[in-house]
């Protein structure tokens, strides 16, 4: 199978997550392609599943991600699984776990907005959201966040064969 990882990144944190997602897809025996929506907005569209990610900026996704979702071909991708992911913060290292379940963070995050927009357009959005915390205004990612992303991807790929 081919997995596509579309992302936008402002300070490089979401790019790191996209790279980890692609690495795990490959580790699980599949092909992966990463597309940076700010430099390659069209990207390649042939694949079996997709990840779409953005940093949370002013409680939503970036404009590049929003534009991509608006143009996403419903006929080609309507039944294929899509996962939404985000980086958000800053979060104090001691409060990472709390931020994962905090309704305010979830409701006002990029992943939730991506998921809602995709659902509105009739896409097959795979729950749960992948939310990864950043510990400073510009980063870095919090401890264990890359590992959490890889675990999420591994579980997602495992669910495809069921």
Protein backbone atom coordinates (compact mmCIF):
# COMPACT_ATOMS: atom_id res chain seq x y z
CA UNK A 1 0.00 0.00 0.00
CA UNK A 2 0.98 3.61 -0.51
CA UNK A 3 0.52 6.15 2.27
CA UNK A 4 0.59 9.86 1.56
CA UNK A 5 1.56 12.34 4.27
CA UNK A 6 0.48 15.91 3.52
CA UNK A 7 1.55 18.59 5.96
CA UNK A 8 2.32 22.23 6.52
CA UNK A 9 4.87 23.35 9.10
CA UNK A 10 5.79 26.75 10.45
CA UNK A 11 8.69 26.03 12.84
CA UNK A 12 9.58 22.51 11.71
CA UNK A 13 7.72 20.52 14.39
CA UNK A 14 4.91 19.32 12.13
CA UNK A 15 7.52 18.42 9.50
CA UNK A 16 9.27 16.21 12.09
CA UNK A 17 5.98 14.47 12.81
CA UNK A 18 5.27 13.98 9.08
CA UNK A 19 8.72 12.43 8.65
CA UNK A 20 8.11 10.10 11.62
CA UNK A 21 4.74 9.09 10.16
CA UNK A 22 6.33 8.27 6.79
CA UNK A 23 9.15 6.37 8.50
CA UNK A 24 6.65 4.23 10.42
CA UNK A 25 4.61 3.55 7.29
CA UNK A 26 7.80 2.22 5.69
CA UNK A 27 8.76 0.26 8.82
CA UNK A 28 5.36 -1.43 8.62
CA UNK A 29 6.18 -2.59 5.09
CA UNK A 30 4.44 0.00 2.94
CA UNK A 31 5.46 2.86 0.69
CA UNK A 32 5.20 6.46 1.84
CA UNK A 33 5.44 9.85 0.23
CA UNK A 34 5.66 13.16 2.13
CA UNK A 35 4.25 16.32 0.56
CA UNK A 36 4.87 19.77 2.04
CA UNK A 37 1.75 21.76 1.18
CA UNK A 38 3.54 25.11 1.36
CA UNK A 39 6.07 24.17 -1.33
CA UNK A 40 4.17 21.52 -3.34
CA UNK A 41 0.46 22.34 -2.97
CA UNK A 42 -0.67 19.97 -5.72
CA UNK A 43 1.41 17.02 -4.66
CA UNK A 44 0.85 13.49 -5.86
CA UNK A 45 -2.56 12.04 -5.20
CA UNK A 46 -2.18 8.31 -5.87
CA UNK A 47 -2.33 6.34 -2.65
CA UNK A 48 -4.33 4.02 -0.43
CA UNK A 49 -4.49 6.13 2.72
CA UNK A 50 -3.56 9.63 3.78
CA UNK A 51 -2.39 11.66 6.75
CA UNK A 52 -3.05 15.41 6.76
CA UNK A 53 -1.34 17.58 9.36
CA UNK A 54 -0.92 21.16 10.45
CA UNK A 55 0.36 23.11 13.39
CA UNK A 56 -2.45 24.70 15.38
CA UNK A 57 -2.27 28.38 14.52
CA UNK A 58 -4.76 30.75 16.14
CA UNK A 59 -7.01 27.75 17.00
CA UNK A 60 -7.10 26.29 13.50
CA UNK A 61 -5.12 24.75 10.65
CA UNK A 62 -2.89 26.73 8.31
CA UNK A 63 -4.27 28.23 5.10
CA UNK A 64 -2.26 25.77 2.98
CA UNK A 65 -3.96 22.81 4.66
CA UNK A 66 -7.42 24.36 4.45
CA UNK A 67 -6.96 25.06 0.73
CA UNK A 68 -5.75 21.50 0.16
CA UNK A 69 -8.80 20.00 1.88
CA UNK A 70 -11.17 22.25 -0.09
CA UNK A 71 -9.65 20.94 -3.35
CA UNK A 72 -9.31 17.29 -2.29
CA UNK A 73 -11.00 15.02 -4.86
CA UNK A 74 -14.01 13.41 -3.18
CA UNK A 75 -14.42 10.81 -5.91
CA UNK A 76 -10.82 9.59 -5.64
CA UNK A 77 -10.52 9.82 -1.84
CA UNK A 78 -14.08 9.53 -0.51
CA UNK A 79 -13.74 5.94 0.70
CA UNK A 80 -10.03 5.84 1.53
CA UNK A 81 -9.02 6.34 5.18
CA UNK A 82 -7.63 9.73 6.16
CA UNK A 83 -6.00 10.60 9.49
CA UNK A 84 -5.73 14.13 10.85
CA UNK A 85 -2.74 15.21 12.93
CA UNK A 86 -1.54 18.39 14.56
CA UNK A 87 1.18 19.93 16.64
CA UNK A 88 -0.01 22.33 19.32
CA UNK A 89 1.31 24.27 22.26
CA UNK A 90 3.23 25.55 24.01
CA UNK A 91 2.60 22.99 26.74
CA UNK A 92 4.66 22.64 29.90
CA UNK A 93 6.43 19.28 29.96
CA UNK A 94 4.67 18.28 33.18
CA UNK A 95 1.25 18.96 31.63
CA UNK A 96 1.56 16.97 28.37
CA UNK A 97 -0.86 14.23 29.45
CA UNK A 98 -3.40 16.75 30.72
CA UNK A 99 -3.30 18.69 27.44
CA UNK A 100 -4.16 15.52 25.46
CA UNK A 101 -7.58 15.24 27.14
CA UNK A 102 -8.31 18.94 27.71
CA UNK A 103 -11.51 19.71 25.78
CA UNK A 104 -10.35 23.29 25.08
CA UNK A 105 -7.14 22.10 23.41
CA UNK A 106 -9.01 19.47 21.40
CA UNK A 107 -11.90 21.69 20.25
CA UNK A 108 -9.59 24.52 19.22
CA UNK A 109 -6.91 22.46 17.54
CA UNK A 110 -5.97 21.98 13.91
CA UNK A 111 -6.63 18.21 13.91
CA UNK A 112 -10.24 18.66 15.05
CA UNK A 113 -10.80 21.35 12.41
CA UNK A 114 -9.21 19.13 9.73
CA UNK A 115 -11.37 16.21 10.82
CA UNK A 116 -14.56 18.32 10.82
CA UNK A 117 -13.84 19.82 7.41
CA UNK A 118 -13.14 16.38 5.91
CA UNK A 119 -16.31 14.91 7.45
CA UNK A 120 -18.38 17.83 6.11
CA UNK A 121 -17.10 16.97 2.64
CA UNK A 122 -17.95 13.28 3.08
CA UNK A 123 -14.47 11.81 3.53
CA UNK A 124 -13.65 8.65 5.52
CA UNK A 125 -11.86 10.16 8.53
CA UNK A 126 -10.13 7.65 10.78
CA UNK A 127 -10.42 8.37 14.50
CA UNK A 128 -8.76 9.12 16.83
CA UNK A 129 -6.97 12.40 16.16
CA UNK A 130 -3.20 12.44 16.42
CA UNK A 131 -2.28 15.40 18.63
CA UNK A 132 1.37 16.10 19.47
CA UNK A 133 2.47 18.72 21.95
CA UNK A 134 5.19 21.30 21.49
CA UNK A 135 6.88 22.55 24.68
CA UNK A 136 7.92 26.03 23.53
CA UNK A 137 6.41 28.66 21.26
CA UNK A 138 8.54 27.37 18.38
CA UNK A 139 9.32 23.93 19.74
CA UNK A 140 10.73 21.48 20.35
CA UNK A 141 8.25 18.63 20.37
CA UNK A 142 7.54 17.32 23.85
CA UNK A 143 9.22 14.19 25.16
CA UNK A 144 7.87 11.01 23.62
CA UNK A 145 5.82 12.74 20.93
CA UNK A 146 7.62 11.13 17.97
CA UNK A 147 7.18 7.71 19.56
CA UNK A 148 3.49 8.47 20.11
CA UNK A 149 3.12 9.38 16.42
CA UNK A 150 4.78 6.14 15.32
CA UNK A 151 2.57 4.08 17.65
CA UNK A 152 -0.54 5.79 16.25
CA UNK A 153 0.53 5.05 12.67
CA UNK A 154 1.33 1.42 13.48
CA UNK A 155 -2.13 0.95 15.06
CA UNK A 156 -3.80 2.69 12.13
CA UNK A 157 -2.05 0.46 9.57
CA UNK A 158 -2.98 -2.58 11.63
CA UNK A 159 -6.63 -1.53 11.52
CA UNK A 160 -6.57 -1.43 7.69
CA UNK A 161 -6.09 -5.17 7.42
CA UNK A 162 -9.13 -5.97 9.59
